[in-house]
Amino acid sequence: MMKKQWLMLIAGAMLVLGGCQNNDSASEPASVTPSQHEQAADDSDMNMDQMDEMHHSGSGEVPAGLKEAANPAFKVGSQAIIEAGHMKGMKGAKATIVGAYDTTAYAVSYTPTTGGPKVTNHKWVIHEEIENAGAEPFKPGDEVVLEADHMPGMKGAKATIDSAEKTTVYMVDYEPTTGGDPVKNHMWVTGSELSAAK
């Protein structure tokens, strides 16, 4: 009788242990390599996180040599809708144009001087915010040193020009669509990233 009880107890323990083992292995995720699409989404999220570290508000001080636009599409004092999503709460926000300037705007990639991951395709740094900028605009692939201070670790960083666009850039004030403090003197938004306020 005692032997039978021991056998049942051992069989029961094996069943319980076997069940636990099966549950553990079922709950472990399979080793899956993320697809390129998922990786691109991760990279996009990383860049968005980096953009959120931008100095949202600025002093309104423009770089030396920057010329005001003679006939901007969006006049100083007018309102526009921001179509760009450089930071959370930016896309769709109503903006007031604080300044309009004719220059060359660059998308750049750089490694912050403070360390951390490389920032790719940062928009925008303008010609006047690049060390030793001459009369001629830089070309994609050129290596430069940034004087812009839009994000921690940007000023003094070595960067590569990803793209260059001769355009009008705007300094804007806006209230983020996500709430929070109003953003003052944000640098920079291009004309193609704005639409007329309704």
Protein backbone atom coordinates (compact mmCIF):
# COMPACT_ATOMS: atom_id res chain seq x y z
CA MET A 1 0.00 0.00 0.00
CA MET A 2 2.77 2.37 0.98
CA LYS A 3 4.69 1.52 -2.19
CA LYS A 4 1.64 2.34 -4.33
CA GLN A 5 1.25 5.76 -2.67
CA TRP A 6 4.94 6.51 -3.23
CA LEU A 7 4.62 5.59 -6.92
CA MET A 8 1.56 7.83 -7.32
CA LEU A 9 3.34 10.66 -5.51
CA ILE A 10 6.41 10.33 -7.76
CA ALA A 11 4.23 10.12 -10.90
CA GLY A 12 2.32 13.23 -9.79
CA ALA A 13 5.54 15.13 -9.13
CA MET A 14 6.86 14.16 -12.56
CA LEU A 15 3.64 15.36 -14.17
CA VAL A 16 3.83 18.71 -12.35
CA LEU A 17 7.50 19.14 -13.17
CA GLY A 18 6.91 18.14 -16.78
CA GLY A 19 4.06 20.66 -17.03
CA CYS A 20 6.25 23.42 -15.64
CA GLN A 21 9.00 22.59 -18.05
CA ASN A 22 6.63 22.72 -21.01
CA ASN A 23 5.17 26.03 -19.87
CA ASP A 24 8.63 27.56 -19.49
CA SER A 25 9.73 26.56 -22.95
CA ALA A 26 6.44 27.71 -24.46
CA SER A 27 6.77 31.13 -22.85
CA GLU A 28 10.33 31.66 -24.05
CA PRO A 29 10.36 33.72 -27.26
CA ALA A 30 11.77 32.00 -30.29
CA SER A 31 15.07 33.37 -31.50
CA VAL A 32 13.95 35.60 -34.36
CA THR A 33 16.08 38.04 -36.27
CA PRO A 34 14.19 41.33 -36.81
CA SER A 35 13.35 42.11 -40.40
CA GLN A 36 14.86 45.14 -42.10
CA HIS A 37 11.47 46.85 -41.82
CA GLU A 38 11.43 46.35 -38.03
CA GLN A 39 15.05 47.51 -37.82
CA ALA A 40 14.18 50.64 -39.81
CA ALA A 41 11.30 51.31 -37.40
CA ASP A 42 13.68 50.91 -34.45
CA ASP A 43 16.15 53.33 -36.07
CA SER A 44 13.33 55.77 -36.69
CA ASP A 45 12.27 55.57 -33.03
CA MET A 46 15.87 56.07 -31.94
CA ASN A 47 16.16 59.19 -34.08
CA MET A 48 12.86 60.48 -32.72
CA ASP A 49 14.16 59.94 -29.18
CA GLN A 50 17.29 61.87 -30.14
CA MET A 51 15.20 64.67 -31.61
CA ASP A 52 13.25 64.91 -28.37
CA GLU A 53 16.49 65.98 -26.71
CA MET A 54 16.57 69.09 -28.89
CA HIS A 55 16.66 72.44 -27.15
CA HIS A 56 13.00 73.13 -27.84
CA SER A 57 13.20 76.87 -27.23
CA GLY A 58 16.01 79.11 -28.39
CA SER A 59 17.27 82.57 -27.60
CA GLY A 60 16.17 83.95 -30.95
CA GLU A 61 19.78 84.90 -31.65
CA VAL A 62 20.58 84.16 -35.29
CA PRO A 63 24.06 83.23 -36.55
CA ALA A 64 26.26 86.05 -37.84
CA GLY A 65 25.91 86.67 -41.56
CA LEU A 66 22.41 85.19 -41.86
CA LYS A 67 20.30 87.34 -44.20
CA GLU A 68 16.60 87.97 -43.75
CA ALA A 69 14.46 86.72 -46.62
CA ALA A 70 13.31 89.56 -48.87
CA ASN A 71 10.01 87.95 -49.89
CA PRO A 72 9.29 84.84 -47.78
CA ALA A 73 6.26 82.65 -48.51
CA PHE A 74 5.33 82.97 -44.82
CA LYS A 75 5.66 86.52 -43.48
CA VAL A 76 7.03 87.29 -40.03
CA GLY A 77 4.08 87.49 -37.63
CA SER A 78 1.85 85.24 -39.75
CA GLN A 79 0.63 81.81 -38.70
CA ALA A 80 1.23 78.44 -40.34
CA ILE A 81 0.78 74.74 -39.63
CA ILE A 82 3.96 72.69 -39.14
CA GLU A 83 3.94 69.60 -41.35
CA ALA A 84 7.32 68.28 -40.14
CA GLY A 85 7.69 65.90 -37.21
CA HIS A 86 11.21 66.76 -36.03
CA MET A 87 10.03 66.31 -32.44
CA LYS A 88 6.99 64.91 -30.66
CA GLY A 89 4.14 67.40 -30.67
CA MET A 90 5.49 69.34 -33.64
CA LYS A 91 3.55 67.89 -36.58
CA GLY A 92 0.20 69.60 -36.89
CA ALA A 93 1.04 72.38 -34.44
CA LYS A 94 0.03 75.94 -35.23
CA ALA A 95 3.12 78.13 -35.45
CA THR A 96 3.81 81.84 -35.48
CA ILE A 97 6.63 82.88 -37.83
CA VAL A 98 9.30 84.72 -35.83
CA GLY A 99 11.96 85.01 -38.54
CA ALA A 100 12.53 84.11 -42.20
CA TYR A 101 16.01 83.78 -43.71
CA ASP A 102 17.49 82.81 -47.06
CA THR A 103 20.30 80.25 -46.75
CA THR A 104 21.29 76.67 -47.50
CA ALA A 105 19.77 74.10 -45.13
CA TYR A 106 21.55 70.81 -44.54
CA ALA A 107 20.50 67.43 -43.22
CA VAL A 108 23.52 66.07 -41.36
CA SER A 109 24.70 62.91 -39.61
CA TYR A 110 27.10 63.14 -36.67
CA THR A 111 28.27 61.48 -33.47
CA PRO A 112 27.57 63.70 -30.45
CA THR A 113 30.60 65.05 -28.60
CA THR A 114 28.90 63.86 -25.40
CA GLY A 115 28.94 60.24 -26.63
CA GLY A 116 25.94 58.09 -27.39
CA PRO A 117 24.56 56.78 -30.69
CA LYS A 118 25.13 58.48 -34.01
CA VAL A 119 22.46 60.97 -35.03
CA THR A 120 21.43 60.45 -38.65
CA ASN A 121 19.71 62.82 -41.08
CA HIS A 122 19.24 65.62 -38.53
CA LYS A 123 17.17 68.46 -39.99
CA TRP A 124 18.20 71.28 -40.10
CA VAL A 125 21.59 72.87 -39.73
CA ILE A 126 22.08 75.99 -41.85
CA HIS A 127 25.18 77.17 -43.70
CA GLU A 128 25.93 79.85 -41.12
CA GLU A 129 25.99 77.22 -38.33
CA ILE A 130 28.96 75.35 -39.83
CA GLU A 131 32.57 76.10 -38.91
CA ASN A 132 34.60 77.85 -41.63
CA ALA A 133 31.63 78.08 -44.00
CA GLY A 134 32.65 79.97 -47.12
CA ALA A 135 30.54 81.58 -49.82
CA GLU A 136 29.90 78.27 -51.61
CA PRO A 137 27.45 75.76 -50.09
CA PHE A 138 28.67 72.36 -48.96
CA LYS A 139 27.78 69.25 -50.96
CA PRO A 140 26.44 65.87 -49.82
CA GLY A 141 29.33 63.79 -48.52
CA ASP A 142 31.36 66.78 -47.30
CA GLU A 143 32.83 66.48 -43.79
CA VAL A 144 32.20 69.55 -41.60
CA VAL A 145 32.31 70.71 -37.96
CA LEU A 146 29.01 71.95 -36.51
CA GLU A 147 28.63 75.22 -34.64
CA ALA A 148 24.88 74.72 -34.16
CA ASP A 149 23.76 73.91 -30.62
CA HIS A 150 20.29 72.44 -31.25
CA MET A 151 20.95 69.26 -29.24
CA PRO A 152 23.36 68.20 -26.48
CA GLY A 153 26.67 67.18 -28.05
CA MET A 154 26.03 68.88 -31.38
CA LYS A 155 28.28 71.93 -31.08
CA GLY A 156 31.80 70.99 -32.14
CA ALA A 157 30.78 67.60 -33.54
CA LYS A 158 32.21 66.34 -36.83
CA ALA A 159 29.38 65.76 -39.29
CA THR A 160 28.70 64.52 -42.80
CA ILE A 161 26.38 66.48 -45.08
CA ASP A 162 23.53 64.16 -46.12
CA SER A 163 21.66 66.67 -48.27
CA ALA A 164 21.76 70.37 -49.11
CA GLU A 165 18.84 72.61 -50.05
CA LYS A 166 18.95 76.30 -50.95
CA THR A 167 15.78 77.59 -49.32
CA THR A 168 14.10 79.92 -46.88
CA VAL A 169 14.27 78.72 -43.28
CA TYR A 170 11.93 79.88 -40.58
CA MET A 171 12.26 80.41 -36.86
CA VAL A 172 8.91 79.62 -35.22
CA ASP A 173 7.02 79.73 -31.96
CA TYR A 174 4.46 76.95 -31.43
CA GLU A 175 2.49 75.04 -28.83
CA PRO A 176 3.15 71.27 -29.00
CA THR A 177 0.11 69.18 -29.92
CA THR A 178 1.11 66.86 -27.05
CA GLY A 179 0.74 69.67 -24.49
CA GLY A 180 3.45 71.16 -22.33
CA ASP A 181 5.24 74.48 -22.47
CA PRO A 182 5.09 76.60 -25.62
CA VAL A 183 8.23 76.39 -27.77
CA LYS A 184 9.87 79.73 -28.55
CA ASN A 185 12.30 80.56 -31.36
CA HIS A 186 12.59 77.00 -32.68
CA MET A 187 15.30 76.66 -35.34
CA TRP A 188 14.64 75.60 -38.16
CA VAL A 189 11.66 74.74 -40.34
CA THR A 190 11.76 75.05 -44.14
CA GLY A 191 8.96 76.46 -46.28
CA SER A 192 8.10 72.98 -47.59
CA GLU A 193 7.47 71.89 -43.98
CA LEU A 194 4.81 74.57 -43.45
CA SER A 195 1.29 75.02 -44.76
CA ALA A 196 -1.06 77.98 -44.49
CA ALA A 197 -3.08 78.15 -41.26
CA LYS A 198 -6.83 77.88 -41.81
